Amino acid sequence: MDIKIFNLLFLPAIISFAISLLVTYLVIRYAKKLGILDTPGKRGDPATLHTKPIPRGGGIPIFLSILITSIIFLPLDSRAIGIFFGAGIVAFIGFLDDRNNANPYLRLLGQFLAAGVVFLLPQTL
């Protein structure tokens, strides 16, 4: 296998996988302290099928693994920075939703804000 292919394809995938594995473990371990534990019957959602408390916050490992791997392997320009900030806003809104069961209209408003950041930030940098 050519070393260039390894560096372009497999190394980023391996690093991203390792980061997501580590952060997933940490999120599961500290879900109760972070307040992102889904306890059956607490929210009154009829779609809840589990019978014991389950950690939420799956967006945290995904966001951090993509962010860190991108910072390591991609050139940082104004567009990438805008995308990172927008993704950070969406991840933060997801965390708040996991923690407080946020209003869907507020989540939608936050996602419009994130899209605006992705569009406007690169033009100002």
PDB file of N, CA and C in Angstrom:
ATOM      1  N   MET A   1       0.851  -1.178   0.000  1.00  0.00           N
ATOM      2  CA  MET A   1       0.000   0.000   0.000  1.00  0.00           C
ATOM      3  C   MET A   1       0.895   1.239   0.000  1.00  0.00           C
ATOM      4  N   ASP A   2       0.519   2.191  -0.808  1.00  0.00           N
ATOM      5  CA  ASP A   2       1.260   3.430  -0.917  1.00  0.00           C
ATOM      6  C   ASP A   2       1.077   4.252   0.373  1.00  0.00           C
ATOM      7  N   ILE A   3       2.160   4.844   0.861  1.00  0.00           N
ATOM      8  CA  ILE A   3       2.119   5.611   2.114  1.00  0.00           C
ATOM      9  C   ILE A   3       1.248   6.859   1.971  1.00  0.00           C
ATOM     10  N   LYS A   4       1.168   7.429   0.767  1.00  0.00           N
ATOM     11  CA  LYS A   4       0.343   8.607   0.550  1.00  0.00           C
ATOM     12  C   LYS A   4      -1.141   8.272   0.727  1.00  0.00           C
ATOM     13  N   ILE A   5      -1.552   7.132   0.204  1.00  0.00           N
ATOM     14  CA  ILE A   5      -2.947   6.695   0.370  1.00  0.00           C
ATOM     15  C   ILE A   5      -3.239   6.452   1.846  1.00  0.00           C
ATOM     16  N   PHE A   6      -2.299   5.837   2.533  1.00  0.00           N
ATOM     17  CA  PHE A   6      -2.478   5.601   3.965  1.00  0.00           C
ATOM     18  C   PHE A   6      -2.658   6.916   4.709  1.00  0.00           C
ATOM     19  N   ASN A   7      -1.802   7.900   4.419  1.00  0.00           N
ATOM     20  CA  ASN A   7      -1.860   9.192   5.104  1.00  0.00           C
ATOM     21  C   ASN A   7      -3.124   9.973   4.764  1.00  0.00           C
ATOM     22  N   LEU A   8      -3.637   9.817   3.554  1.00  0.00           N
ATOM     23  CA  LEU A   8      -4.817  10.563   3.137  1.00  0.00           C
ATOM     24  C   LEU A   8      -6.130   9.897   3.549  1.00  0.00           C
ATOM     25  N   LEU A   9      -6.155   8.573   3.614  1.00  0.00           N
ATOM     26  CA  LEU A   9      -7.408   7.872   3.868  1.00  0.00           C
ATOM     27  C   LEU A   9      -7.468   7.195   5.237  1.00  0.00           C
ATOM     28  N   PHE A  10      -6.510   6.333   5.478  1.00  0.00           N
ATOM     29  CA  PHE A  10      -6.620   5.479   6.649  1.00  0.00           C
ATOM     30  C   PHE A  10      -6.199   6.165   7.944  1.00  0.00           C
ATOM     31  N   LEU A  11      -5.157   6.966   7.910  1.00  0.00           N
ATOM     32  CA  LEU A  11      -4.707   7.631   9.133  1.00  0.00           C
ATOM     33  C   LEU A  11      -5.777   8.572   9.707  1.00  0.00           C
ATOM     34  N   PRO A  12      -6.418   9.425   8.884  1.00  0.00           N
ATOM     35  CA  PRO A  12      -7.500  10.251   9.436  1.00  0.00           C
ATOM     36  C   PRO A  12      -8.655   9.413   9.980  1.00  0.00           C
ATOM     37  N   ALA A  13      -8.994   8.328   9.304  1.00  0.00           N
ATOM     38  CA  ALA A  13     -10.086   7.468   9.768  1.00  0.00           C
ATOM     39  C   ALA A  13      -9.738   6.813  11.104  1.00  0.00           C
ATOM     40  N   ILE A  14      -8.509   6.357  11.239  1.00  0.00           N
ATOM     41  CA  ILE A  14      -8.075   5.710  12.481  1.00  0.00           C
ATOM     42  C   ILE A  14      -8.071   6.718  13.633  1.00  0.00           C
ATOM     43  N   ILE A  15      -7.550   7.901  13.381  1.00  0.00           N
ATOM     44  CA  ILE A  15      -7.507   8.930  14.434  1.00  0.00           C
ATOM     45  C   ILE A  15      -8.912   9.365  14.815  1.00  0.00           C
ATOM     46  N   SER A  16      -9.777   9.570  13.837  1.00  0.00           N
ATOM     47  CA  SER A  16     -11.157   9.964  14.120  1.00  0.00           C
ATOM     48  C   SER A  16     -11.878   8.883  14.924  1.00  0.00           C
ATOM     49  N   PHE A  17     -11.667   7.631  14.550  1.00  0.00           N
ATOM     50  CA  PHE A  17     -12.280   6.510  15.279  1.00  0.00           C
ATOM     51  C   PHE A  17     -11.781   6.469  16.717  1.00  0.00           C
ATOM     52  N   ALA A  18     -10.484   6.639  16.911  1.00  0.00           N
ATOM     53  CA  ALA A  18      -9.920   6.595  18.267  1.00  0.00           C
ATOM     54  C   ALA A  18     -10.459   7.737  19.124  1.00  0.00           C
ATOM     55  N   ILE A  19     -10.563   8.932  18.552  1.00  0.00           N
ATOM     56  CA  ILE A  19     -11.093  10.074  19.305  1.00  0.00           C
ATOM     57  C   ILE A  19     -12.547   9.836  19.668  1.00  0.00           C
ATOM     58  N   SER A  20     -13.342   9.367  18.706  1.00  0.00           N
ATOM     59  CA  SER A  20     -14.757   9.140  18.997  1.00  0.00           C
ATOM     60  C   SER A  20     -14.943   8.032  20.021  1.00  0.00           C
ATOM     61  N   LEU A  21     -14.106   7.017  19.986  1.00  0.00           N
ATOM     62  CA  LEU A  21     -14.184   5.945  20.973  1.00  0.00           C
ATOM     63  C   LEU A  21     -13.879   6.474  22.371  1.00  0.00           C
ATOM     64  N   LEU A  22     -12.822   7.254  22.496  1.00  0.00           N
ATOM     65  CA  LEU A  22     -12.440   7.820  23.783  1.00  0.00           C
ATOM     66  C   LEU A  22     -13.505   8.780  24.314  1.00  0.00           C
ATOM     67  N   VAL A  23     -13.974   9.687  23.460  1.00  0.00           N
ATOM     68  CA  VAL A  23     -14.960  10.675  23.914  1.00  0.00           C
ATOM     69  C   VAL A  23     -16.302  10.006  24.218  1.00  0.00           C
ATOM     70  N   THR A  24     -16.672   8.983  23.451  1.00  0.00           N
ATOM     71  CA  THR A  24     -17.907   8.244  23.747  1.00  0.00           C
ATOM     72  C   THR A  24     -17.822   7.613  25.127  1.00  0.00           C
ATOM     73  N   TYR A  25     -16.688   7.002  25.424  1.00  0.00           N
ATOM     74  CA  TYR A  25     -16.495   6.418  26.756  1.00  0.00           C
ATOM     75  C   TYR A  25     -16.644   7.485  27.836  1.00  0.00           C
ATOM     76  N   LEU A  26     -16.027   8.648  27.634  1.00  0.00           N
ATOM     77  CA  LEU A  26     -16.103   9.723  28.632  1.00  0.00           C
ATOM     78  C   LEU A  26     -17.518  10.266  28.787  1.00  0.00           C
ATOM     79  N   VAL A  27     -18.243  10.402  27.677  1.00  0.00           N
ATOM     80  CA  VAL A  27     -19.623  10.889  27.746  1.00  0.00           C
ATOM     81  C   VAL A  27     -20.496   9.897  28.506  1.00  0.00           C
ATOM     82  N   ILE A  28     -20.340   8.616  28.220  1.00  0.00           N
ATOM     83  CA  ILE A  28     -21.120   7.600  28.931  1.00  0.00           C
ATOM     84  C   ILE A  28     -20.766   7.609  30.416  1.00  0.00           C
ATOM     85  N   ARG A  29     -19.489   7.700  30.717  1.00  0.00           N
ATOM     86  CA  ARG A  29     -19.045   7.669  32.115  1.00  0.00           C
ATOM     87  C   ARG A  29     -19.547   8.876  32.919  1.00  0.00           C
ATOM     88  N   TYR A  30     -19.556  10.056  32.292  1.00  0.00           N
ATOM     89  CA  TYR A  30     -19.919  11.279  33.013  1.00  0.00           C
ATOM     90  C   TYR A  30     -21.297  11.819  32.632  1.00  0.00           C
ATOM     91  N   ALA A  31     -22.140  11.001  32.020  1.00  0.00           N
ATOM     92  CA  ALA A  31     -23.468  11.456  31.589  1.00  0.00           C
ATOM     93  C   ALA A  31     -24.308  11.941  32.766  1.00  0.00           C
ATOM     94  N   LYS A  32     -24.229  11.261  33.880  1.00  0.00           N
ATOM     95  CA  LYS A  32     -25.024  11.672  35.037  1.00  0.00           C
ATOM     96  C   LYS A  32     -24.563  13.034  35.562  1.00  0.00           C
ATOM     97  N   LYS A  33     -23.238  13.246  35.630  1.00  0.00           N
ATOM     98  CA  LYS A  33     -22.714  14.536  36.092  1.00  0.00           C
ATOM     99  C   LYS A  33     -23.031  15.658  35.108  1.00  0.00           C
ATOM    100  N   LEU A  34     -23.048  15.335  33.816  1.00  0.00           N
ATOM    101  CA  LEU A  34     -23.357  16.331  32.798  1.00  0.00           C
ATOM    102  C   LEU A  34     -24.855  16.603  32.692  1.00  0.00           C
ATOM    103  N   GLY A  35     -25.666  15.746  33.304  1.00  0.00           N
ATOM    104  CA  GLY A  35     -27.108  15.919  33.265  1.00  0.00           C
ATOM    105  C   GLY A  35     -27.725  15.494  31.945  1.00  0.00           C
ATOM    106  N   ILE A  36     -27.099  14.541  31.260  1.00  0.00           N
ATOM    107  CA  ILE A  36     -27.614  14.091  29.968  1.00  0.00           C
ATOM    108  C   ILE A  36     -27.995  12.613  30.015  1.00  0.00           C
ATOM    109  N   LEU A  37     -28.605  12.226  31.100  1.00  0.00           N
ATOM    110  CA  LEU A  37     -29.060  10.852  31.273  1.00  0.00           C
ATOM    111  C   LEU A  37     -30.551  10.798  30.976  1.00  0.00           C
ATOM    112  N   ASP A  38     -30.967   9.908  30.103  1.00  0.00           N
ATOM    113  CA  ASP A  38     -32.376   9.762  29.751  1.00  0.00           C
ATOM    114  C   ASP A  38     -32.979   8.687  30.648  1.00  0.00           C
ATOM    115  N   THR A  39     -33.777   9.129  31.589  1.00  0.00           N
ATOM    116  CA  THR A  39     -34.431   8.219  32.520  1.00  0.00           C
ATOM    117  C   THR A  39     -35.832   7.913  32.010  1.00  0.00           C
ATOM    118  N   PRO A  40     -36.199   6.639  31.839  1.00  0.00           N
ATOM    119  CA  PRO A  40     -37.530   6.299  31.331  1.00  0.00           C
ATOM    120  C   PRO A  40     -38.631   6.875  32.232  1.00  0.00           C
ATOM    121  N   GLY A  41     -39.655   7.427  31.605  1.00  0.00           N
ATOM    122  CA  GLY A  41     -40.784   7.975  32.343  1.00  0.00           C
ATOM    123  C   GLY A  41     -40.589   9.413  32.788  1.00  0.00           C
ATOM    124  N   LYS A  42     -39.380   9.927  32.738  1.00  0.00           N
ATOM    125  CA  LYS A  42     -39.120  11.284  33.207  1.00  0.00           C
ATOM    126  C   LYS A  42     -39.634  12.330  32.220  1.00  0.00           C
ATOM    127  N   ARG A  43     -39.458  12.078  30.927  1.00  0.00           N
ATOM    128  CA  ARG A  43     -39.856  13.041  29.913  1.00  0.00           C
ATOM    129  C   ARG A  43     -41.278  12.806  29.408  1.00  0.00           C
ATOM    130  N   GLY A  44     -41.826  11.655  29.643  1.00  0.00           N
ATOM    131  CA  GLY A  44     -43.170  11.363  29.178  1.00  0.00           C
ATOM    132  C   GLY A  44     -43.259  11.131  27.682  1.00  0.00           C
ATOM    133  N   ASP A  45     -42.163  10.764  27.053  1.00  0.00           N
ATOM    134  CA  ASP A  45     -42.153  10.510  25.618  1.00  0.00           C
ATOM    135  C   ASP A  45     -42.630   9.082  25.367  1.00  0.00           C
ATOM    136  N   PRO A  46     -43.701   8.901  24.591  1.00  0.00           N
ATOM    137  CA  PRO A  46     -44.202   7.539  24.354  1.00  0.00           C
ATOM    138  C   PRO A  46     -43.265   6.688  23.505  1.00  0.00           C
ATOM    139  N   ALA A  47     -42.300   7.308  22.821  1.00  0.00           N
ATOM    140  CA  ALA A  47     -41.374   6.552  21.970  1.00  0.00           C
ATOM    141  C   ALA A  47     -40.221   5.934  22.759  1.00  0.00           C
ATOM    142  N   THR A  48     -40.124   6.223  24.061  1.00  0.00           N
ATOM    143  CA  THR A  48     -39.052   5.665  24.879  1.00  0.00           C
ATOM    144  C   THR A  48     -39.290   4.179  25.096  1.00  0.00           C
ATOM    145  N   LEU A  49     -38.333   3.361  24.662  1.00  0.00           N
ATOM    146  CA  LEU A  49     -38.475   1.914  24.773  1.00  0.00           C
ATOM    147  C   LEU A  49     -37.589   1.301  25.845  1.00  0.00           C
ATOM    148  N   HIS A  50     -36.570   2.016  26.286  1.00  0.00           N
ATOM    149  CA  HIS A  50     -35.649   1.425  27.248  1.00  0.00           C
ATOM    150  C   HIS A  50     -36.270   1.424  28.650  1.00  0.00           C
ATOM    151  N   THR A  51     -35.725   0.543  29.477  1.00  0.00           N
ATOM    152  CA  THR A  51     -36.269   0.380  30.830  1.00  0.00           C
ATOM    153  C   THR A  51     -35.319   0.865  31.914  1.00  0.00           C
ATOM    154  N   LYS A  52     -34.103   1.208  31.554  1.00  0.00           N
ATOM    155  CA  LYS A  52     -33.142   1.729  32.528  1.00  0.00           C
ATOM    156  C   LYS A  52     -32.547   3.023  31.976  1.00  0.00           C
ATOM    157  N   PRO A  53     -31.932   3.843  32.812  1.00  0.00           N
ATOM    158  CA  PRO A  53     -31.354   5.102  32.337  1.00  0.00           C
ATOM    159  C   PRO A  53     -30.280   4.878  31.268  1.00  0.00           C
ATOM    160  N   ILE A  54     -30.358   5.683  30.217  1.00  0.00           N
ATOM    161  CA  ILE A  54     -29.439   5.585  29.073  1.00  0.00           C
ATOM    162  C   ILE A  54     -28.777   6.946  28.879  1.00  0.00           C
ATOM    163  N   PRO A  55     -27.447   6.975  28.704  1.00  0.00           N
ATOM    164  CA  PRO A  55     -26.771   8.251  28.447  1.00  0.00           C
ATOM    165  C   PRO A  55     -27.167   8.819  27.083  1.00  0.00           C
ATOM    166  N   ARG A  56     -27.308  10.128  27.046  1.00  0.00           N
ATOM    167  CA  ARG A  56     -27.542  10.833  25.793  1.00  0.00           C
ATOM    168  C   ARG A  56     -26.245  11.547  25.420  1.00  0.00           C
ATOM    169  N   GLY A  57     -26.283  12.388  24.431  1.00  0.00           N
ATOM    170  CA  GLY A  57     -25.095  13.183  24.091  1.00  0.00           C
ATOM    171  C   GLY A  57     -24.223  12.558  23.037  1.00  0.00           C
ATOM    172  N   GLY A  58     -24.790  11.776  22.134  1.00  0.00           N
ATOM    173  CA  GLY A  58     -24.001  11.141  21.086  1.00  0.00           C
ATOM    174  C   GLY A  58     -23.382  12.110  20.102  1.00  0.00           C
ATOM    175  N   GLY A  59     -23.903  13.329  20.035  1.00  0.00           N
ATOM    176  CA  GLY A  59     -23.345  14.314  19.119  1.00  0.00           C
ATOM    177  C   GLY A  59     -21.995  14.840  19.563  1.00  0.00           C
ATOM    178  N   ILE A  60     -21.718  14.753  20.849  1.00  0.00           N
ATOM    179  CA  ILE A  60     -20.447  15.271  21.383  1.00  0.00           C
ATOM    180  C   ILE A  60     -19.259  14.515  20.797  1.00  0.00           C
ATOM    181  N   PRO A  61     -19.243  13.176  20.847  1.00  0.00           N
ATOM    182  CA  PRO A  61     -18.097  12.463  20.258  1.00  0.00           C
ATOM    183  C   PRO A  61     -17.984  12.657  18.750  1.00  0.00           C
ATOM    184  N   ILE A  62     -19.123  12.712  18.067  1.00  0.00           N
ATOM    185  CA  ILE A  62     -19.085  12.896  16.619  1.00  0.00           C
ATOM    186  C   ILE A  62     -18.474  14.252  16.277  1.00  0.00           C
ATOM    187  N   PHE A  63     -18.966  15.307  16.941  1.00  0.00           N
ATOM    188  CA  PHE A  63     -18.461  16.651  16.674  1.00  0.00           C
ATOM    189  C   PHE A  63     -16.969  16.746  16.983  1.00  0.00           C
ATOM    190  N   LEU A  64     -16.557  16.282  18.148  1.00  0.00           N
ATOM    191  CA  LEU A  64     -15.147  16.419  18.534  1.00  0.00           C
ATOM    192  C   LEU A  64     -14.218  15.598  17.643  1.00  0.00           C
ATOM    193  N   SER A  65     -14.640  14.395  17.259  1.00  0.00           N
ATOM    194  CA  SER A  65     -13.761  13.584  16.405  1.00  0.00           C
ATOM    195  C   SER A  65     -13.604  14.223  15.022  1.00  0.00           C
ATOM    196  N   ILE A  66     -14.696  14.746  14.462  1.00  0.00           N
ATOM    197  CA  ILE A  66     -14.589  15.415  13.161  1.00  0.00           C
ATOM    198  C   ILE A  66     -13.775  16.693  13.279  1.00  0.00           C
ATOM    199  N   LEU A  67     -14.019  17.477  14.328  1.00  0.00           N
ATOM    200  CA  LEU A  67     -13.302  18.740  14.514  1.00  0.00           C
ATOM    201  C   LEU A  67     -11.796  18.514  14.660  1.00  0.00           C
ATOM    202  N   ILE A  68     -11.409  17.638  15.558  1.00  0.00           N
ATOM    203  CA  ILE A  68      -9.986  17.418  15.826  1.00  0.00           C
ATOM    204  C   ILE A  68      -9.287  16.822  14.605  1.00  0.00           C
ATOM    205  N   THR A  69      -9.915  15.839  13.969  1.00  0.00           N
ATOM    206  CA  THR A  69      -9.311  15.226  12.788  1.00  0.00           C
ATOM    207  C   THR A  69      -9.191  16.237  11.652  1.00  0.00           C
ATOM    208  N   SER A  70     -10.200  17.079  11.489  1.00  0.00           N
ATOM    209  CA  SER A  70     -10.140  18.103  10.437  1.00  0.00           C
ATOM    210  C   SER A  70      -9.038  19.120  10.705  1.00  0.00           C
ATOM    211  N   ILE A  71      -8.890  19.522  11.956  1.00  0.00           N
ATOM    212  CA  ILE A  71      -7.840  20.480  12.300  1.00  0.00           C
ATOM    213  C   ILE A  71      -6.450  19.889  12.025  1.00  0.00           C
ATOM    214  N   ILE A  72      -6.306  18.595  12.271  1.00  0.00           N
ATOM    215  CA  ILE A  72      -5.010  17.944  12.052  1.00  0.00           C
ATOM    216  C   ILE A  72      -4.708  17.799  10.562  1.00  0.00           C
ATOM    217  N   PHE A  73      -5.702  17.401   9.759  1.00  0.00           N
ATOM    218  CA  PHE A  73      -5.423  16.985   8.381  1.00  0.00           C
ATOM    219  C   PHE A  73      -5.859  17.961   7.296  1.00  0.00           C
ATOM    220  N   LEU A  74      -6.665  18.952   7.622  1.00  0.00           N
ATOM    221  CA  LEU A  74      -7.132  19.873   6.583  1.00  0.00           C
ATOM    222  C   LEU A  74      -6.528  21.253   6.779  1.00  0.00           C
ATOM    223  N   PRO A  75      -6.343  21.981   5.689  1.00  0.00           N
ATOM    224  CA  PRO A  75      -5.855  23.361   5.829  1.00  0.00           C
ATOM    225  C   PRO A  75      -6.954  24.231   6.433  1.00  0.00           C
ATOM    226  N   LEU A  76      -6.579  25.078   7.368  1.00  0.00           N
ATOM    227  CA  LEU A  76      -7.560  25.955   8.010  1.00  0.00           C
ATOM    228  C   LEU A  76      -7.676  27.248   7.210  1.00  0.00           C
ATOM    229  N   ASP A  77      -8.807  27.434   6.582  1.00  0.00           N
ATOM    230  CA  ASP A  77      -9.094  28.677   5.898  1.00  0.00           C
ATOM    231  C   ASP A  77     -10.390  29.247   6.481  1.00  0.00           C
ATOM    232  N   SER A  78     -10.833  30.364   5.958  1.00  0.00           N
ATOM    233  CA  SER A  78     -12.003  31.034   6.534  1.00  0.00           C
ATOM    234  C   SER A  78     -13.264  30.195   6.385  1.00  0.00           C
ATOM    235  N   ARG A  79     -13.378  29.429   5.302  1.00  0.00           N
ATOM    236  CA  ARG A  79     -14.560  28.575   5.129  1.00  0.00           C
ATOM    237  C   ARG A  79     -14.588  27.456   6.158  1.00  0.00           C
ATOM    238  N   ALA A  80     -13.442  26.826   6.389  1.00  0.00           N
ATOM    239  CA  ALA A  80     -13.385  25.748   7.377  1.00  0.00           C
ATOM    240  C   ALA A  80     -13.701  26.280   8.772  1.00  0.00           C
ATOM    241  N   ILE A  81     -13.178  27.437   9.102  1.00  0.00           N
ATOM    242  CA  ILE A  81     -13.449  28.030  10.410  1.00  0.00           C
ATOM    243  C   ILE A  81     -14.939  28.332  10.553  1.00  0.00           C
ATOM    244  N   GLY A  82     -15.571  28.847   9.498  1.00  0.00           N
ATOM    245  CA  GLY A  82     -17.008  29.094   9.531  1.00  0.00           C
ATOM    246  C   GLY A  82     -17.802  27.815   9.744  1.00  0.00           C
ATOM    247  N   ILE A  83     -17.399  26.752   9.056  1.00  0.00           N
ATOM    248  CA  ILE A  83     -18.077  25.464   9.210  1.00  0.00           C
ATOM    249  C   ILE A  83     -17.890  24.933  10.633  1.00  0.00           C
ATOM    250  N   PHE A  84     -16.682  25.062  11.189  1.00  0.00           N
ATOM    251  CA  PHE A  84     -16.438  24.600  12.553  1.00  0.00           C
ATOM    252  C   PHE A  84     -17.288  25.358  13.563  1.00  0.00           C
ATOM    253  N   PHE A  85     -17.387  26.677  13.399  1.00  0.00           N
ATOM    254  CA  PHE A  85     -18.209  27.463  14.321  1.00  0.00           C
ATOM    255  C   PHE A  85     -19.687  27.081  14.193  1.00  0.00           C
ATOM    256  N   GLY A  86     -20.169  26.933  12.962  1.00  0.00           N
ATOM    257  CA  GLY A  86     -21.561  26.530  12.757  1.00  0.00           C
ATOM    258  C   GLY A  86     -21.844  25.155  13.339  1.00  0.00           C
ATOM    259  N   ALA A  87     -20.935  24.219  13.119  1.00  0.00           N
ATOM    260  CA  ALA A  87     -21.097  22.872  13.676  1.00  0.00           C
ATOM    261  C   ALA A  87     -21.034  22.908  15.197  1.00  0.00           C
ATOM    262  N   GLY A  88     -20.190  23.777  15.741  1.00  0.00           N
ATOM    263  CA  GLY A  88     -20.114  23.920  17.198  1.00  0.00           C
ATOM    264  C   GLY A  88     -21.424  24.429  17.783  1.00  0.00           C
ATOM    265  N   ILE A  89     -22.064  25.365  17.081  1.00  0.00           N
ATOM    266  CA  ILE A  89     -23.358  25.869  17.540  1.00  0.00           C
ATOM    267  C   ILE A  89     -24.397  24.746  17.523  1.00  0.00           C
ATOM    268  N   VAL A  90     -24.430  23.976  16.448  1.00  0.00           N
ATOM    269  CA  VAL A  90     -25.381  22.862  16.355  1.00  0.00           C
ATOM    270  C   VAL A  90     -25.102  21.818  17.440  1.00  0.00           C
ATOM    271  N   ALA A  91     -23.832  21.514  17.690  1.00  0.00           N
ATOM    272  CA  ALA A  91     -23.479  20.547  18.733  1.00  0.00           C
ATOM    273  C   ALA A  91     -23.877  21.064  20.110  1.00  0.00           C
ATOM    274  N   PHE A  92     -23.676  22.351  20.359  1.00  0.00           N
ATOM    275  CA  PHE A  92     -24.051  22.940  21.644  1.00  0.00           C
ATOM    276  C   PHE A  92     -25.565  22.910  21.833  1.00  0.00           C
ATOM    277  N   ILE A  93     -26.305  23.212  20.778  1.00  0.00           N
ATOM    278  CA  ILE A  93     -27.768  23.134  20.850  1.00  0.00           C
ATOM    279  C   ILE A  93     -28.205  21.699  21.121  1.00  0.00           C
ATOM    280  N   GLY A  94     -27.549  20.740  20.484  1.00  0.00           N
ATOM    281  CA  GLY A  94     -27.854  19.325  20.734  1.00  0.00           C
ATOM    282  C   GLY A  94     -27.582  18.937  22.172  1.00  0.00           C
ATOM    283  N   PHE A  95     -26.469  19.427  22.727  1.00  0.00           N
ATOM    284  CA  PHE A  95     -26.159  19.151  24.129  1.00  0.00           C
ATOM    285  C   PHE A  95     -27.227  19.742  25.041  1.00  0.00           C
ATOM    286  N   LEU A  96     -27.622  20.998  24.769  1.00  0.00           N
ATOM    287  CA  LEU A  96     -28.668  21.622  25.588  1.00  0.00           C
ATOM    288  C   LEU A  96     -29.984  20.871  25.463  1.00  0.00           C
ATOM    289  N   ASP A  97     -30.280  20.377  24.273  1.00  0.00           N
ATOM    290  CA  ASP A  97     -31.492  19.594  24.079  1.00  0.00           C
ATOM    291  C   ASP A  97     -31.415  18.281  24.855  1.00  0.00           C
ATOM    292  N   ASP A  98     -30.263  17.628  24.812  1.00  0.00           N
ATOM    293  CA  ASP A  98     -30.098  16.387  25.574  1.00  0.00           C
ATOM    294  C   ASP A  98     -30.244  16.629  27.071  1.00  0.00           C
ATOM    295  N   ARG A  99     -29.823  17.792  27.502  1.00  0.00           N
ATOM    296  CA  ARG A  99     -29.848  18.106  28.928  1.00  0.00           C
ATOM    297  C   ARG A  99     -31.207  18.626  29.401  1.00  0.00           C
ATOM    298  N   ASN A 100     -31.822  19.509  28.606  1.00  0.00           N
ATOM    299  CA  ASN A 100     -33.027  20.205  29.076  1.00  0.00           C
ATOM    300  C   ASN A 100     -34.272  19.934  28.252  1.00  0.00           C
ATOM    301  N   ASN A 101     -34.190  19.091  27.220  1.00  0.00           N
ATOM    302  CA  ASN A 101     -35.312  18.829  26.332  1.00  0.00           C
ATOM    303  C   ASN A 101     -35.841  20.145  25.763  1.00  0.00           C
ATOM    304  N   ALA A 102     -35.028  20.789  24.963  1.00  0.00           N
ATOM    305  CA  ALA A 102     -35.309  22.132  24.451  1.00  0.00           C
ATOM    306  C   ALA A 102     -36.504  22.154  23.510  1.00  0.00           C
ATOM    307  N   ASN A 103     -37.101  23.314  23.414  1.00  0.00           N
ATOM    308  CA  ASN A 103     -38.219  23.556  22.526  1.00  0.00           C
ATOM    309  C   ASN A 103     -37.755  23.382  21.074  1.00  0.00           C
ATOM    310  N   PRO A 104     -38.527  22.671  20.248  1.00  0.00           N
ATOM    311  CA  PRO A 104     -38.104  22.456  18.858  1.00  0.00           C
ATOM    312  C   PRO A 104     -37.947  23.749  18.067  1.00  0.00           C
ATOM    313  N   TYR A 105     -38.752  24.768  18.375  1.00  0.00           N
ATOM    314  CA  TYR A 105     -38.638  26.032  17.656  1.00  0.00           C
ATOM    315  C   TYR A 105     -37.339  26.760  18.021  1.00  0.00           C
ATOM    316  N   LEU A 106     -36.917  26.640  19.264  1.00  0.00           N
ATOM    317  CA  LEU A 106     -35.634  27.235  19.660  1.00  0.00           C
ATOM    318  C   LEU A 106     -34.469  26.493  19.007  1.00  0.00           C
ATOM    319  N   ARG A 107     -34.591  25.179  18.917  1.00  0.00           N
ATOM    320  CA  ARG A 107     -33.548  24.404  18.229  1.00  0.00           C
ATOM    321  C   ARG A 107     -33.459  24.809  16.759  1.00  0.00           C
ATOM    322  N   LEU A 108     -34.617  24.984  16.125  1.00  0.00           N
ATOM    323  CA  LEU A 108     -34.634  25.397  14.725  1.00  0.00           C
ATOM    324  C   LEU A 108     -34.030  26.786  14.557  1.00  0.00           C
ATOM    325  N   LEU A 109     -34.356  27.691  15.453  1.00  0.00           N
ATOM    326  CA  LEU A 109     -33.785  29.032  15.416  1.00  0.00           C
ATOM    327  C   LEU A 109     -32.260  28.976  15.570  1.00  0.00           C
ATOM    328  N   GLY A 110     -31.788  28.135  16.478  1.00  0.00           N
ATOM    329  CA  GLY A 110     -30.345  27.965  16.662  1.00  0.00           C
ATOM    330  C   GLY A 110     -29.675  27.397  15.429  1.00  0.00           C
ATOM    331  N   GLN A 111     -30.360  26.511  14.719  1.00  0.00           N
ATOM    332  CA  GLN A 111     -29.780  25.948  13.508  1.00  0.00           C
ATOM    333  C   GLN A 111     -29.746  26.968  12.373  1.00  0.00           C
ATOM    334  N   PHE A 112     -30.746  27.854  12.332  1.00  0.00           N
ATOM    335  CA  PHE A 112     -30.680  28.966  11.377  1.00  0.00           C
ATOM    336  C   PHE A 112     -29.498  29.876  11.715  1.00  0.00           C
ATOM    337  N   LEU A 113     -29.290  30.123  12.997  1.00  0.00           N
ATOM    338  CA  LEU A 113     -28.147  30.924  13.428  1.00  0.00           C
ATOM    339  C   LEU A 113     -26.838  30.267  12.990  1.00  0.00           C
ATOM    340  N   ALA A 114     -26.736  28.958  13.184  1.00  0.00           N
ATOM    341  CA  ALA A 114     -25.532  28.229  12.780  1.00  0.00           C
ATOM    342  C   ALA A 114     -25.309  28.333  11.275  1.00  0.00           C
ATOM    343  N   ALA A 115     -26.371  28.218  10.495  1.00  0.00           N
ATOM    344  CA  ALA A 115     -26.246  28.351   9.036  1.00  0.00           C
ATOM    345  C   ALA A 115     -25.796  29.760   8.670  1.00  0.00           C
ATOM    346  N   GLY A 116     -26.310  30.759   9.387  1.00  0.00           N
ATOM    347  CA  GLY A 116     -25.882  32.137   9.138  1.00  0.00           C
ATOM    348  C   GLY A 116     -24.411  32.339   9.439  1.00  0.00           C
ATOM    349  N   VAL A 117     -23.946  31.701  10.501  1.00  0.00           N
ATOM    350  CA  VAL A 117     -22.525  31.797  10.856  1.00  0.00           C
ATOM    351  C   VAL A 117     -21.667  31.163   9.766  1.00  0.00           C
ATOM    352  N   VAL A 118     -22.096  30.000   9.274  1.00  0.00           N
ATOM    353  CA  VAL A 118     -21.343  29.332   8.208  1.00  0.00           C
ATOM    354  C   VAL A 118     -21.292  30.205   6.959  1.00  0.00           C
ATOM    355  N   PHE A 119     -22.356  30.925   6.688  1.00  0.00           N
ATOM    356  CA  PHE A 119     -22.408  31.777   5.509  1.00  0.00           C
ATOM    357  C   PHE A 119     -21.653  33.090   5.702  1.00  0.00           C
ATOM    358  N   LEU A 120     -21.829  33.726   6.855  1.00  0.00           N
ATOM    359  CA  LEU A 120     -21.301  35.077   7.043  1.00  0.00           C
ATOM    360  C   LEU A 120     -19.865  35.129   7.571  1.00  0.00           C
ATOM    361  N   LEU A 121     -19.481  34.209   8.425  1.00  0.00           N
ATOM    362  CA  LEU A 121     -18.157  34.278   9.055  1.00  0.00           C
ATOM    363  C   LEU A 121     -17.016  34.261   8.040  1.00  0.00           C
ATOM    364  N   PRO A 122     -17.043  33.376   7.032  1.00  0.00           N
ATOM    365  CA  PRO A 122     -15.925  33.408   6.076  1.00  0.00           C
ATOM    366  C   PRO A 122     -15.808  34.718   5.317  1.00  0.00           C
ATOM    367  N   GLN A 123     -16.896  35.444   5.159  1.00  0.00           N
ATOM    368  CA  GLN A 123     -16.845  36.701   4.435  1.00  0.00           C
ATOM    369  C   GLN A 123     -16.235  37.819   5.277  1.00  0.00           C
ATOM    370  N   THR A 124     -16.265  37.657   6.605  1.00  0.00           N
ATOM    371  CA  THR A 124     -15.725  38.689   7.482  1.00  0.00           C
ATOM    372  C   THR A 124     -14.272  38.441   7.861  1.00  0.00           C
ATOM    373  N   LEU A 125     -13.791  37.232   7.645  1.00  0.00           N
ATOM    374  CA  LEU A 125     -12.392  36.918   7.999  1.00  0.00           C
ATOM    375  C   LEU A 125     -11.441  37.241   6.868  1.00  0.00           C
TER     376      LEU A 125
END
